């Protein structure tokens, strides 16, 4: 891969750049990638190009280009914001009571027992787990499901 561009190529690319051609057009002329042109322009500090002659705005005025309409934005970009309908308050959930069962070591855990760790093990100790009956389809009891699985709250835009 040759990183150095010959002086003639740089001069030609700079002339096109100053003439308002896009990096893609210059790349096609020179037979290189658009990123190669952008890299040279950046490293050599060619600066911003002047606006290209006859762009999309000019074609829009002449009626040659139809304005795109986003079907998923029915109000359009300049529509006034509608006042949001206030949502009903979220129902307050009463958290389940913590299990009263003695913690269980790892080797005594069987299917259907809560696997939520309840301690930080001492240096030569072992992890202890909740061991209460689990919720259907989960690995934790109802109390620890409330801790482990949290719903993302929907915040209203201010």
Protein backbone atom coordinates (compact mmCIF):
# COMPACT_ATOMS: atom_id res chain seq x y z
CA UNK A 1 0.00 0.00 0.00
CA UNK A 2 1.55 3.26 -1.15
CA UNK A 3 0.72 6.04 1.28
CA UNK A 4 2.45 8.86 -0.60
CA UNK A 5 0.56 10.52 -3.42
CA UNK A 6 2.49 11.99 -6.35
CA UNK A 7 2.57 15.78 -6.51
CA UNK A 8 0.49 15.84 -9.74
CA UNK A 9 -2.23 13.76 -8.12
CA UNK A 10 -2.31 16.01 -5.04
CA UNK A 11 -2.49 19.13 -7.19
CA UNK A 12 -5.32 17.66 -9.25
CA UNK A 13 -7.22 16.54 -6.14
CA UNK A 14 -6.74 19.96 -4.48
CA UNK A 15 -8.04 21.73 -7.61
CA UNK A 16 -11.15 19.51 -7.64
CA UNK A 17 -11.58 20.01 -3.87
CA UNK A 18 -11.40 23.80 -4.23
CA UNK A 19 -13.78 23.55 -7.18
CA UNK A 20 -16.49 22.18 -4.90
CA UNK A 21 -16.43 18.54 -6.01
CA UNK A 22 -17.41 15.94 -3.45
CA UNK A 23 -14.89 13.51 -2.01
CA UNK A 24 -16.68 10.68 -3.81
CA UNK A 25 -16.34 12.44 -7.18
CA UNK A 26 -12.66 13.13 -6.59
CA UNK A 27 -12.11 9.51 -5.55
CA UNK A 28 -13.76 8.24 -8.74
CA UNK A 29 -11.56 10.56 -10.83
CA UNK A 30 -8.37 9.39 -9.12
CA UNK A 31 -9.30 5.73 -8.75
CA UNK A 32 -8.99 5.71 -4.96
CA UNK A 33 -11.43 5.40 -2.08
CA UNK A 34 -13.43 8.29 -0.70
CA UNK A 35 -11.72 7.80 2.65
CA UNK A 36 -8.31 8.21 1.00
CA UNK A 37 -9.39 11.59 -0.36
CA UNK A 38 -10.85 12.63 3.00
CA UNK A 39 -7.63 11.57 4.74
CA UNK A 40 -5.47 13.68 2.40
CA UNK A 41 -7.79 16.67 2.80
CA UNK A 42 -7.63 16.36 6.57
CA UNK A 43 -3.87 15.79 6.82
CA UNK A 44 -3.06 18.61 4.41
CA UNK A 45 -5.62 20.94 6.02
CA UNK A 46 -7.35 21.79 2.77
CA UNK A 47 -10.21 23.29 4.75
CA UNK A 48 -13.87 23.36 3.96
CA UNK A 49 -14.91 23.28 0.36
CA UNK A 50 -17.08 25.98 -1.05
CA UNK A 51 -20.65 24.94 -1.66
CA UNK A 52 -21.01 22.75 -4.74
CA UNK A 53 -22.68 24.37 -7.70
CA UNK A 54 -26.17 23.12 -8.29
CA UNK A 55 -26.87 20.87 -5.37
CA UNK A 56 -30.04 19.34 -4.05
CA UNK A 57 -31.49 22.73 -3.11
CA UNK A 58 -31.16 24.00 -6.67
CA UNK A 59 -32.76 20.85 -8.09
CA UNK A 60 -35.57 21.19 -5.54
CA UNK A 61 -36.28 24.72 -6.74
CA UNK A 62 -36.33 23.57 -10.33
CA UNK A 63 -38.67 20.70 -9.47
CA UNK A 64 -36.20 18.00 -10.47
CA UNK A 65 -36.10 16.32 -7.08
CA UNK A 66 -39.16 15.44 -5.07
CA UNK A 67 -38.97 16.04 -1.36
CA UNK A 68 -38.94 12.77 0.57
CA UNK A 69 -41.82 12.18 2.92
CA UNK A 70 -41.33 9.94 5.89
CA UNK A 71 -44.48 7.82 6.33
CA UNK A 72 -43.54 7.23 9.96
CA UNK A 73 -43.57 10.96 10.71
CA UNK A 74 -47.12 11.92 9.76
CA UNK A 75 -46.95 15.45 11.16
CA UNK A 76 -43.81 16.41 9.26
CA UNK A 77 -40.68 17.98 10.67
CA UNK A 78 -42.12 21.50 11.02
CA UNK A 79 -45.42 20.55 12.64
CA UNK A 80 -46.23 22.12 15.97
CA UNK A 81 -45.76 19.84 18.90
CA UNK A 82 -49.03 18.57 20.26
CA UNK A 83 -49.50 18.66 24.00
CA UNK A 84 -48.96 15.17 25.30
CA UNK A 85 -51.90 13.39 26.86
CA UNK A 86 -50.99 12.72 30.48
CA UNK A 87 -50.63 9.05 31.25
CA UNK A 88 -52.45 7.57 34.22
CA UNK A 89 -50.21 7.05 37.23
CA UNK A 90 -48.42 3.75 37.45
CA UNK A 91 -49.97 1.35 39.94
CA UNK A 92 -47.92 1.03 43.08
CA UNK A 93 -46.74 -2.51 43.57
CA UNK A 94 -46.47 -3.77 47.10
CA UNK A 95 -43.12 -5.54 47.33
CA UNK A 96 -43.28 -9.13 48.56
CA UNK A 97 -41.94 -9.90 51.99
CA UNK A 98 -38.37 -11.14 52.24
CA UNK A 99 -38.03 -14.88 52.73
CA UNK A 100 -37.64 -16.06 56.31
CA UNK A 101 -35.80 -19.23 55.38
CA UNK A 102 -32.24 -19.92 56.48
CA UNK A 103 -29.62 -19.31 53.74
CA UNK A 104 -28.43 -22.42 51.90
CA UNK A 105 -24.87 -23.27 50.75
CA UNK A 106 -24.28 -23.86 47.04
CA UNK A 107 -23.98 -27.63 47.30
CA UNK A 108 -27.44 -27.90 48.89
CA UNK A 109 -29.29 -25.89 46.21
CA UNK A 110 -31.71 -28.03 44.18
CA UNK A 111 -34.15 -27.21 41.37
CA UNK A 112 -36.90 -24.86 42.47
CA UNK A 113 -34.79 -23.07 45.10
CA UNK A 114 -33.88 -19.37 44.87
CA UNK A 115 -30.30 -18.86 43.73
CA UNK A 116 -29.90 -15.25 44.92
CA UNK A 117 -26.62 -14.81 46.85
CA UNK A 118 -27.24 -13.38 50.32
CA UNK A 119 -23.72 -12.89 51.69
CA UNK A 120 -20.18 -11.89 50.92
CA UNK A 121 -18.17 -15.00 51.71
CA UNK A 122 -15.53 -14.79 54.42
CA UNK A 123 -11.96 -15.59 53.32
CA UNK A 124 -12.36 -19.34 53.82
CA UNK A 125 -16.16 -19.46 53.90
CA UNK A 126 -18.75 -20.22 51.26
CA UNK A 127 -21.47 -18.39 49.41
CA UNK A 128 -24.93 -18.69 50.86
CA UNK A 129 -28.08 -18.46 48.77
CA UNK A 130 -31.70 -17.62 49.59
CA UNK A 131 -33.16 -21.10 48.95
CA UNK A 132 -36.83 -20.00 49.04
CA UNK A 133 -39.27 -21.39 46.42
CA UNK A 134 -38.82 -19.72 43.03
CA UNK A 135 -41.35 -17.95 40.80
CA UNK A 136 -42.46 -20.00 37.77
CA UNK A 137 -39.98 -19.56 34.92
CA UNK A 138 -37.44 -17.68 37.08
CA UNK A 139 -34.45 -18.65 39.20
CA UNK A 140 -35.30 -16.33 42.09
CA UNK A 141 -38.08 -16.09 44.68
CA UNK A 142 -40.63 -13.26 44.30
CA UNK A 143 -38.70 -10.99 46.69
CA UNK A 144 -35.37 -11.39 44.88
CA UNK A 145 -37.05 -11.14 41.44
CA UNK A 146 -38.09 -7.64 42.50
CA UNK A 147 -34.43 -6.83 43.10
CA UNK A 148 -32.88 -8.63 40.11
CA UNK A 149 -35.43 -7.76 37.41
CA UNK A 150 -36.27 -4.07 37.30
CA UNK A 151 -38.49 -2.47 34.69
CA UNK A 152 -37.11 0.56 32.91
CA UNK A 153 -39.20 3.54 33.87
CA UNK A 154 -40.53 5.63 31.01
CA UNK A 155 -39.54 9.23 31.66
CA UNK A 156 -41.64 11.99 30.18
CA UNK A 157 -39.80 14.39 27.91
CA UNK A 158 -39.51 17.75 29.59
